[in-house]
Amino acid sequence: MTDRGEVAVVRRPGRAVSAEDGLSALLAAYHLRTEAEKGEAVAGVEALPDRYRAEISDPRTAFADDVVLTALAGDTAVGCLVLTAPADGRSEIKRLWTDPAHRGRGIASGLLRAALAHAEGDGTRTVRLSVWAWRADAVSLYERFGFAVTESWDARERLVCMQRTT
């Protein structure tokens, strides 16, 4: 039996997020992998679109109004999730990412549980997200958490939009 170690989910309002806490590295890995999966592989962070570089270089500003959840294994950030500030009773989950070396340990599920609990406590009625169709494992995870495919609010090809009520 392998010792998986404890993983803690830490809630960080955007104002407390810093590039030094490991979040920037997780966001960089997320965006670089996503671009590669879309067939638009880039050589490094400097070649990412401006909006993604802004998140990576200054998550405090990028997510100032949002709740950022970070999964920690000891002092190491191994996963993240951003829950946008509610608007009209609706929030959106973005940037759910688990370091590939730490997958299979329930980190994404823990982040989702914490995000949904926060949304419910905030009075959010609907939580939505978008996920690339080729990320079948992620789609299955979201379905297990009660998300259902809904009409798209984003016209990008192969992007699946999902939502659930809290």
N, C-alpha and C. Protein backbone atom coordinates (compact mmCIF):
# COMPACT_ATOMS: atom_id res chain seq x y z
N MET A 1 0.84 -1.18 0.00
CA MET A 1 0.00 0.00 0.00
C MET A 1 0.89 1.25 0.00
N THR A 2 0.54 2.17 -0.84
CA THR A 2 1.32 3.39 -0.96
C THR A 2 0.75 4.46 -0.04
N ASP A 3 1.62 5.18 0.62
CA ASP A 3 1.18 6.29 1.47
C ASP A 3 0.96 7.49 0.55
N ARG A 4 -0.28 7.89 0.43
CA ARG A 4 -0.61 9.01 -0.45
C ARG A 4 -0.39 10.35 0.22
N GLY A 5 -0.35 10.37 1.53
CA GLY A 5 -0.18 11.64 2.24
C GLY A 5 -1.48 12.41 2.26
N GLU A 6 -1.54 13.38 3.11
CA GLU A 6 -2.73 14.21 3.25
C GLU A 6 -2.67 15.36 2.26
N VAL A 7 -3.83 15.69 1.74
CA VAL A 7 -3.96 16.84 0.87
C VAL A 7 -5.02 17.74 1.48
N ALA A 8 -4.69 18.99 1.66
CA ALA A 8 -5.62 19.96 2.24
C ALA A 8 -6.06 20.93 1.16
N VAL A 9 -7.33 21.31 1.19
CA VAL A 9 -7.84 22.33 0.28
C VAL A 9 -7.90 23.63 1.06
N VAL A 10 -7.26 24.65 0.53
CA VAL A 10 -7.18 25.95 1.19
C VAL A 10 -7.98 26.95 0.37
N ARG A 11 -8.90 27.65 1.03
CA ARG A 11 -9.69 28.68 0.36
C ARG A 11 -8.94 29.99 0.43
N ARG A 12 -8.78 30.60 -0.73
CA ARG A 12 -8.05 31.87 -0.78
C ARG A 12 -8.84 32.88 -1.58
N PRO A 13 -9.44 33.84 -0.93
CA PRO A 13 -10.06 34.92 -1.72
C PRO A 13 -8.99 35.55 -2.60
N GLY A 14 -9.38 36.01 -3.77
CA GLY A 14 -8.42 36.53 -4.75
C GLY A 14 -7.40 37.48 -4.18
N ARG A 15 -7.79 38.30 -3.22
CA ARG A 15 -6.84 39.29 -2.69
C ARG A 15 -5.67 38.65 -1.95
N ALA A 16 -5.82 37.37 -1.52
CA ALA A 16 -4.75 36.71 -0.77
C ALA A 16 -3.88 35.83 -1.66
N VAL A 17 -4.22 35.73 -2.94
CA VAL A 17 -3.48 34.87 -3.85
C VAL A 17 -2.20 35.56 -4.30
N SER A 18 -1.10 34.82 -4.31
CA SER A 18 0.14 35.39 -4.81
C SER A 18 0.79 34.41 -5.77
N ALA A 19 1.62 34.94 -6.63
CA ALA A 19 2.32 34.11 -7.62
C ALA A 19 3.30 33.17 -6.93
N GLU A 20 3.71 33.48 -5.74
CA GLU A 20 4.72 32.69 -5.04
C GLU A 20 4.17 31.45 -4.35
N ASP A 21 2.84 31.31 -4.26
CA ASP A 21 2.27 30.19 -3.50
C ASP A 21 2.11 28.91 -4.31
N GLY A 22 2.62 28.86 -5.51
CA GLY A 22 2.52 27.66 -6.34
C GLY A 22 1.38 27.72 -7.33
N LEU A 23 0.47 28.66 -7.17
CA LEU A 23 -0.66 28.78 -8.07
C LEU A 23 -0.21 29.11 -9.49
N SER A 24 0.76 29.99 -9.62
CA SER A 24 1.23 30.37 -10.96
C SER A 24 1.75 29.16 -11.74
N ALA A 25 2.48 28.29 -11.07
CA ALA A 25 3.01 27.10 -11.75
C ALA A 25 1.87 26.18 -12.18
N LEU A 26 0.85 26.04 -11.33
CA LEU A 26 -0.30 25.21 -11.70
C LEU A 26 -1.05 25.81 -12.88
N LEU A 27 -1.26 27.12 -12.86
CA LEU A 27 -1.95 27.77 -13.97
C LEU A 27 -1.15 27.67 -15.27
N ALA A 28 0.16 27.81 -15.18
CA ALA A 28 1.00 27.68 -16.37
C ALA A 28 0.87 26.27 -16.95
N ALA A 29 0.94 25.26 -16.10
CA ALA A 29 0.81 23.88 -16.58
C ALA A 29 -0.55 23.65 -17.22
N TYR A 30 -1.59 24.17 -16.59
CA TYR A 30 -2.95 24.05 -17.12
C TYR A 30 -3.04 24.66 -18.52
N HIS A 31 -2.61 25.89 -18.67
CA HIS A 31 -2.74 26.58 -19.95
C HIS A 31 -1.85 25.96 -21.02
N LEU A 32 -0.64 25.57 -20.66
CA LEU A 32 0.25 24.95 -21.65
C LEU A 32 -0.32 23.62 -22.13
N ARG A 33 -0.85 22.80 -21.22
CA ARG A 33 -1.45 21.52 -21.60
C ARG A 33 -2.68 21.73 -22.47
N THR A 34 -3.51 22.69 -22.09
CA THR A 34 -4.73 22.95 -22.86
C THR A 34 -4.40 23.39 -24.28
N GLU A 35 -3.43 24.28 -24.42
CA GLU A 35 -3.05 24.72 -25.77
C GLU A 35 -2.52 23.54 -26.59
N ALA A 36 -1.73 22.69 -25.98
CA ALA A 36 -1.21 21.51 -26.68
C ALA A 36 -2.34 20.58 -27.10
N GLU A 37 -3.31 20.36 -26.22
CA GLU A 37 -4.43 19.50 -26.55
C GLU A 37 -5.29 20.08 -27.66
N LYS A 38 -5.34 21.39 -27.77
CA LYS A 38 -6.09 22.03 -28.85
C LYS A 38 -5.30 22.01 -30.16
N GLY A 39 -4.08 21.48 -30.12
CA GLY A 39 -3.25 21.45 -31.32
C GLY A 39 -2.50 22.75 -31.56
N GLU A 40 -2.41 23.57 -30.53
CA GLU A 40 -1.75 24.87 -30.63
C GLU A 40 -0.61 24.96 -29.63
N ALA A 41 0.18 23.90 -29.56
CA ALA A 41 1.27 23.85 -28.58
C ALA A 41 2.16 25.07 -28.71
N VAL A 42 2.54 25.60 -27.56
CA VAL A 42 3.43 26.75 -27.52
C VAL A 42 4.69 26.36 -26.75
N ALA A 43 5.76 27.06 -27.03
CA ALA A 43 7.06 26.72 -26.46
C ALA A 43 7.16 27.02 -24.96
N GLY A 44 6.39 27.96 -24.49
CA GLY A 44 6.47 28.33 -23.08
C GLY A 44 5.42 29.37 -22.74
N VAL A 45 5.41 29.76 -21.50
CA VAL A 45 4.41 30.71 -21.00
C VAL A 45 4.41 32.00 -21.81
N GLU A 46 5.59 32.46 -22.20
CA GLU A 46 5.68 33.74 -22.93
C GLU A 46 4.94 33.71 -24.27
N ALA A 47 4.64 32.53 -24.79
CA ALA A 47 3.94 32.41 -26.07
C ALA A 47 2.43 32.21 -25.90
N LEU A 48 1.96 32.14 -24.67
CA LEU A 48 0.52 32.00 -24.42
C LEU A 48 -0.20 33.32 -24.73
N PRO A 49 -1.50 33.25 -24.99
CA PRO A 49 -2.26 34.49 -25.17
C PRO A 49 -2.14 35.39 -23.93
N ASP A 50 -2.26 36.68 -24.15
CA ASP A 50 -2.10 37.68 -23.09
C ASP A 50 -2.96 37.39 -21.87
N ARG A 51 -4.22 37.02 -22.06
CA ARG A 51 -5.12 36.82 -20.92
C ARG A 51 -4.64 35.68 -20.03
N TYR A 52 -4.02 34.65 -20.59
CA TYR A 52 -3.51 33.55 -19.79
C TYR A 52 -2.21 33.95 -19.08
N ARG A 53 -1.37 34.67 -19.78
CA ARG A 53 -0.13 35.15 -19.15
C ARG A 53 -0.45 36.06 -17.97
N ALA A 54 -1.51 36.86 -18.08
CA ALA A 54 -1.90 37.75 -16.99
C ALA A 54 -2.31 36.95 -15.76
N GLU A 55 -3.04 35.85 -15.95
CA GLU A 55 -3.41 35.00 -14.82
C GLU A 55 -2.18 34.41 -14.13
N ILE A 56 -1.25 33.96 -14.95
CA ILE A 56 -0.05 33.29 -14.43
C ILE A 56 0.85 34.29 -13.70
N SER A 57 1.04 35.45 -14.28
CA SER A 57 1.99 36.40 -13.70
C SER A 57 1.41 37.14 -12.50
N ASP A 58 0.09 37.32 -12.45
CA ASP A 58 -0.51 38.07 -11.34
C ASP A 58 -1.89 37.52 -11.00
N PRO A 59 -1.93 36.33 -10.40
CA PRO A 59 -3.23 35.75 -10.06
C PRO A 59 -4.02 36.61 -9.08
N ARG A 60 -3.34 37.39 -8.26
CA ARG A 60 -4.02 38.26 -7.30
C ARG A 60 -4.95 39.23 -8.02
N THR A 61 -4.49 39.81 -9.09
CA THR A 61 -5.31 40.74 -9.86
C THR A 61 -6.31 40.00 -10.72
N ALA A 62 -5.87 38.94 -11.39
CA ALA A 62 -6.74 38.20 -12.31
C ALA A 62 -7.97 37.64 -11.61
N PHE A 63 -7.81 37.22 -10.37
CA PHE A 63 -8.90 36.57 -9.64
C PHE A 63 -9.31 37.37 -8.40
N ALA A 64 -9.18 38.68 -8.47
CA ALA A 64 -9.41 39.54 -7.31
C ALA A 64 -10.81 39.39 -6.72
N ASP A 65 -11.80 39.15 -7.53
CA ASP A 65 -13.18 39.05 -7.03
C ASP A 65 -13.63 37.61 -6.82
N ASP A 66 -12.76 36.66 -7.11
CA ASP A 66 -13.12 35.25 -7.12
C ASP A 66 -12.56 34.52 -5.90
N VAL A 67 -13.01 33.28 -5.73
CA VAL A 67 -12.46 32.42 -4.69
C VAL A 67 -11.52 31.44 -5.38
N VAL A 68 -10.30 31.39 -4.88
CA VAL A 68 -9.31 30.47 -5.41
C VAL A 68 -9.10 29.38 -4.38
N LEU A 69 -9.24 28.14 -4.81
CA LEU A 69 -8.99 26.99 -3.95
C LEU A 69 -7.70 26.35 -4.41
N THR A 70 -6.84 26.06 -3.47
CA THR A 70 -5.57 25.40 -3.77
C THR A 70 -5.48 24.14 -2.93
N ALA A 71 -5.14 23.03 -3.58
CA ALA A 71 -4.91 21.78 -2.86
C ALA A 71 -3.42 21.71 -2.55
N LEU A 72 -3.12 21.46 -1.27
CA LEU A 72 -1.73 21.40 -0.83
C LEU A 72 -1.40 20.01 -0.32
N ALA A 73 -0.25 19.49 -0.75
CA ALA A 73 0.33 18.28 -0.18
C ALA A 73 1.53 18.78 0.59
N GLY A 74 1.39 18.87 1.90
CA GLY A 74 2.42 19.53 2.69
C GLY A 74 2.40 21.00 2.33
N ASP A 75 3.55 21.52 1.90
CA ASP A 75 3.65 22.92 1.48
C ASP A 75 3.59 23.09 -0.03
N THR A 76 3.35 21.99 -0.75
CA THR A 76 3.37 22.02 -2.21
C THR A 76 1.97 22.12 -2.78
N ALA A 77 1.76 23.11 -3.65
CA ALA A 77 0.48 23.25 -4.35
C ALA A 77 0.40 22.16 -5.42
N VAL A 78 -0.66 21.33 -5.34
CA VAL A 78 -0.80 20.21 -6.27
C VAL A 78 -2.09 20.28 -7.08
N GLY A 79 -2.94 21.25 -6.77
CA GLY A 79 -4.18 21.40 -7.52
C GLY A 79 -4.79 22.76 -7.27
N CYS A 80 -5.64 23.19 -8.20
CA CYS A 80 -6.29 24.49 -8.04
C CYS A 80 -7.66 24.49 -8.71
N LEU A 81 -8.45 25.45 -8.32
CA LEU A 81 -9.78 25.68 -8.90
C LEU A 81 -10.14 27.13 -8.60
N VAL A 82 -10.76 27.78 -9.56
CA VAL A 82 -11.24 29.15 -9.37
C VAL A 82 -12.76 29.11 -9.47
N LEU A 83 -13.42 29.71 -8.49
CA LEU A 83 -14.87 29.87 -8.50
C LEU A 83 -15.14 31.36 -8.64
N THR A 84 -15.76 31.73 -9.75
CA THR A 84 -15.98 33.15 -9.99
C THR A 84 -17.00 33.71 -9.00
N ALA A 85 -16.88 35.00 -8.77
CA ALA A 85 -17.84 35.69 -7.90
C ALA A 85 -19.23 35.54 -8.50
N PRO A 86 -20.24 35.35 -7.64
CA PRO A 86 -21.59 35.17 -8.18
C PRO A 86 -22.10 36.43 -8.87
N ALA A 87 -22.82 36.19 -9.95
CA ALA A 87 -23.50 37.27 -10.68
C ALA A 87 -24.87 36.72 -11.08
N ASP A 88 -25.91 37.41 -10.68
CA ASP A 88 -27.28 36.97 -10.96
C ASP A 88 -27.53 35.54 -10.46
N GLY A 89 -26.97 35.21 -9.30
CA GLY A 89 -27.19 33.90 -8.71
C GLY A 89 -26.40 32.77 -9.34
N ARG A 90 -25.41 33.12 -10.16
CA ARG A 90 -24.65 32.10 -10.89
C ARG A 90 -23.15 32.35 -10.75
N SER A 91 -22.40 31.26 -10.51
CA SER A 91 -20.93 31.30 -10.49
C SER A 91 -20.41 30.31 -11.51
N GLU A 92 -19.14 30.44 -11.83
CA GLU A 92 -18.53 29.53 -12.81
C GLU A 92 -17.25 28.95 -12.24
N ILE A 93 -17.07 27.66 -12.47
CA ILE A 93 -15.83 26.99 -12.10
C ILE A 93 -14.88 27.11 -13.28
N LYS A 94 -13.65 27.50 -12.97
CA LYS A 94 -12.61 27.65 -13.98
C LYS A 94 -11.31 27.07 -13.45
N ARG A 95 -10.47 26.68 -14.35
CA ARG A 95 -9.07 26.32 -14.06
C ARG A 95 -8.91 25.15 -13.09
N LEU A 96 -9.84 24.19 -13.10
CA LEU A 96 -9.64 23.01 -12.27
C LEU A 96 -8.46 22.23 -12.85
N TRP A 97 -7.44 22.05 -12.01
CA TRP A 97 -6.21 21.40 -12.47
C TRP A 97 -5.57 20.66 -11.30
N THR A 98 -5.13 19.46 -11.58
CA THR A 98 -4.34 18.69 -10.62
C THR A 98 -3.01 18.35 -11.28
N ASP A 99 -1.93 18.59 -10.59
CA ASP A 99 -0.61 18.23 -11.09
C ASP A 99 -0.65 16.75 -11.49
N PRO A 100 -0.24 16.41 -12.71
CA PRO A 100 -0.32 15.02 -13.17
C PRO A 100 0.34 14.01 -12.22
N ALA A 101 1.38 14.40 -11.52
CA ALA A 101 2.06 13.49 -10.60
C ALA A 101 1.21 13.17 -9.37
N HIS A 102 0.15 13.93 -9.16
CA HIS A 102 -0.69 13.76 -7.97
C HIS A 102 -2.11 13.33 -8.30
N ARG A 103 -2.35 12.95 -9.54
CA ARG A 103 -3.70 12.54 -9.94
C ARG A 103 -4.06 11.18 -9.37
N GLY A 104 -5.35 10.93 -9.29
CA GLY A 104 -5.83 9.66 -8.77
C GLY A 104 -5.93 9.62 -7.26
N ARG A 105 -5.81 10.77 -6.62
CA ARG A 105 -5.84 10.84 -5.16
C ARG A 105 -7.06 11.59 -4.63
N GLY A 106 -8.00 11.91 -5.51
CA GLY A 106 -9.20 12.61 -5.08
C GLY A 106 -9.04 14.10 -4.95
N ILE A 107 -7.98 14.65 -5.48
CA ILE A 107 -7.73 16.09 -5.34
C ILE A 107 -8.78 16.91 -6.08
N ALA A 108 -9.06 16.56 -7.33
CA ALA A 108 -10.06 17.30 -8.09
C ALA A 108 -11.43 17.20 -7.42
N SER A 109 -11.77 16.02 -6.91
CA SER A 109 -13.05 15.85 -6.21
C SER A 109 -13.10 16.73 -4.96
N GLY A 110 -12.01 16.79 -4.22
CA GLY A 110 -11.96 17.63 -3.03
C GLY A 110 -12.12 19.10 -3.37
N LEU A 111 -11.48 19.52 -4.44
CA LEU A 111 -11.60 20.91 -4.87
C LEU A 111 -13.04 21.22 -5.29
N LEU A 112 -13.65 20.30 -6.04
CA LEU A 112 -15.03 20.50 -6.47
C LEU A 112 -15.99 20.55 -5.27
N ARG A 113 -15.83 19.63 -4.33
CA ARG A 113 -16.68 19.63 -3.13
C ARG A 113 -16.58 20.96 -2.39
N ALA A 114 -15.35 21.45 -2.23
CA ALA A 114 -15.15 22.71 -1.52
C ALA A 114 -15.76 23.88 -2.29
N ALA A 115 -15.62 23.89 -3.60
CA ALA A 115 -16.18 24.97 -4.42
C ALA A 115 -17.71 24.96 -4.35
N LEU A 116 -18.30 23.78 -4.44
CA LEU A 116 -19.76 23.70 -4.40
C LEU A 116 -20.30 24.07 -3.02
N ALA A 117 -19.60 23.68 -1.98
CA ALA A 117 -20.01 24.07 -0.62
C ALA A 117 -19.94 25.58 -0.46
N HIS A 118 -18.88 26.18 -0.99
CA HIS A 118 -18.76 27.63 -0.91
C HIS A 118 -19.89 28.31 -1.68
N ALA A 119 -20.16 27.83 -2.89
CA ALA A 119 -21.21 28.42 -3.71
C ALA A 119 -22.56 28.32 -3.01
N GLU A 120 -22.84 27.18 -2.43
CA GLU A 120 -24.11 27.00 -1.73
C GLU A 120 -24.19 27.94 -0.53
N GLY A 121 -23.10 28.08 0.20
CA GLY A 121 -23.07 28.98 1.35
C GLY A 121 -23.21 30.43 0.97
N ASP A 122 -22.81 30.76 -0.25
CA ASP A 122 -22.90 32.13 -0.76
C ASP A 122 -24.28 32.44 -1.33
N GLY A 123 -25.14 31.43 -1.40
CA GLY A 123 -26.46 31.63 -1.98
C GLY A 123 -26.49 31.52 -3.49
N THR A 124 -25.41 31.01 -4.08
CA THR A 124 -25.37 30.82 -5.53
C THR A 124 -26.36 29.73 -5.91
N ARG A 125 -27.22 30.00 -6.88
CA ARG A 125 -28.23 29.03 -7.29
C ARG A 125 -27.72 28.08 -8.37
N THR A 126 -26.85 28.56 -9.24
CA THR A 126 -26.38 27.76 -10.36
C THR A 126 -24.86 27.88 -10.46
N VAL A 127 -24.21 26.74 -10.64
CA VAL A 127 -22.78 26.72 -10.90
C VAL A 127 -22.60 26.12 -12.28
N ARG A 128 -21.84 26.80 -13.10
CA ARG A 128 -21.61 26.31 -14.45
C ARG A 128 -20.13 26.18 -14.72
N LEU A 129 -19.80 25.51 -15.81
CA LEU A 129 -18.41 25.33 -16.21
C LEU A 129 -18.38 24.95 -17.68
N SER A 130 -17.22 25.05 -18.26
CA SER A 130 -17.02 24.55 -19.62
C SER A 130 -15.78 23.66 -19.59
N VAL A 131 -15.82 22.64 -20.42
CA VAL A 131 -14.74 21.65 -20.46
C VAL A 131 -14.60 21.18 -21.90
N TRP A 132 -13.39 20.90 -22.30
CA TRP A 132 -13.15 20.41 -23.65
C TRP A 132 -13.67 18.97 -23.77
N ALA A 133 -14.32 18.67 -24.87
CA ALA A 133 -14.95 17.36 -25.08
C ALA A 133 -13.96 16.22 -24.95
N TRP A 134 -12.71 16.44 -25.33
CA TRP A 134 -11.72 15.36 -25.27
C TRP A 134 -11.28 15.03 -23.84
N ARG A 135 -11.65 15.84 -22.90
CA ARG A 135 -11.32 15.56 -21.50
C ARG A 135 -12.44 14.72 -20.87
N ALA A 136 -12.57 13.50 -21.37
CA ALA A 136 -13.66 12.61 -20.97
C ALA A 136 -13.64 12.32 -19.47
N ASP A 137 -12.48 12.18 -18.88
CA ASP A 137 -12.40 11.93 -17.44
C ASP A 137 -12.97 13.11 -16.65
N ALA A 138 -12.68 14.32 -17.11
CA ALA A 138 -13.21 15.50 -16.43
C ALA A 138 -14.72 15.58 -16.60
N VAL A 139 -15.22 15.31 -17.80
CA VAL A 139 -16.67 15.33 -18.03
C VAL A 139 -17.34 14.33 -17.10
N SER A 140 -16.77 13.13 -16.98
CA SER A 140 -17.34 12.10 -16.09
C SER A 140 -17.32 12.57 -14.63
N LEU A 141 -16.24 13.20 -14.22
CA LEU A 141 -16.16 13.72 -12.86
C LEU A 141 -17.27 14.73 -12.61
N TYR A 142 -17.44 15.67 -13.53
CA TYR A 142 -18.47 16.68 -13.36
C TYR A 142 -19.86 16.04 -13.31
N GLU A 143 -20.10 15.05 -14.14
CA GLU A 143 -21.39 14.36 -14.12
C GLU A 143 -21.64 13.69 -12.77
N ARG A 144 -20.60 13.10 -12.19
CA ARG A 144 -20.74 12.48 -10.86
C ARG A 144 -21.11 13.51 -9.80
N PHE A 145 -20.75 14.74 -10.02
CA PHE A 145 -21.08 15.82 -9.09
C PHE A 145 -22.39 16.52 -9.44
N GLY A 146 -23.14 15.95 -10.36
CA GLY A 146 -24.46 16.47 -10.68
C GLY A 146 -24.52 17.50 -11.78
N PHE A 147 -23.43 17.74 -12.47
CA PHE A 147 -23.45 18.67 -13.59
C PHE A 147 -24.05 17.96 -14.80
N ALA A 148 -24.80 18.70 -15.60
CA ALA A 148 -25.40 18.17 -16.82
C ALA A 148 -25.05 19.10 -17.98
N VAL A 149 -24.91 18.51 -19.15
CA VAL A 149 -24.63 19.30 -20.35
C VAL A 149 -25.82 20.21 -20.60
N THR A 150 -25.52 21.44 -20.95
CA THR A 150 -26.54 22.44 -21.21
C THR A 150 -26.22 23.17 -22.51
N GLU A 151 -27.11 24.01 -22.93
CA GLU A 151 -26.90 24.80 -24.13
C GLU A 151 -25.63 25.63 -23.96
N SER A 152 -24.84 25.68 -25.01
CA SER A 152 -23.55 26.36 -24.93
C SER A 152 -23.71 27.87 -24.83
N TRP A 153 -22.89 28.48 -23.99
CA TRP A 153 -22.80 29.94 -23.92
C TRP A 153 -21.49 30.40 -24.56
N ASP A 154 -20.75 29.44 -25.12
CA ASP A 154 -19.46 29.72 -25.74
C ASP A 154 -19.38 28.93 -27.04
N ALA A 155 -19.20 29.62 -28.14
CA ALA A 155 -19.29 29.00 -29.45
C ALA A 155 -18.04 28.23 -29.89
N ARG A 156 -17.05 28.10 -29.02
CA ARG A 156 -15.84 27.38 -29.44
C ARG A 156 -16.16 25.91 -29.69
N GLU A 157 -15.65 25.43 -30.82
CA GLU A 157 -15.90 24.05 -31.22
C GLU A 157 -15.32 23.08 -30.20
N ARG A 158 -16.08 22.04 -29.89
CA ARG A 158 -15.72 20.96 -28.98
C ARG A 158 -15.67 21.37 -27.51
N LEU A 159 -16.22 22.54 -27.20
CA LEU A 159 -16.32 22.96 -25.81
C LEU A 159 -17.70 22.55 -25.29
N VAL A 160 -17.71 21.81 -24.20
CA VAL A 160 -18.94 21.32 -23.59
C VAL A 160 -19.28 22.24 -22.42
N CYS A 161 -20.49 22.75 -22.40
CA CYS A 161 -20.93 23.59 -21.30
C CYS A 161 -21.83 22.75 -20.40
N MET A 162 -21.61 22.88 -19.09
CA MET A 162 -22.35 22.09 -18.10
C MET A 162 -22.77 23.01 -16.96
N GLN A 163 -23.83 22.60 -16.26
CA GLN A 163 -24.24 23.35 -15.08
C GLN A 163 -25.00 22.45 -14.13
N ARG A 164 -25.12 22.93 -12.89
CA ARG A 164 -25.93 22.26 -11.87
C ARG A 164 -26.47 23.32 -10.94
N THR A 165 -27.58 22.99 -10.32
CA THR A 165 -28.12 23.90 -9.32
C THR A 165 -27.65 23.43 -7.95
N THR A 166 -27.45 24.39 -7.05
CA THR A 166 -26.96 24.03 -5.72
C THR A 166 -28.11 23.72 -4.79
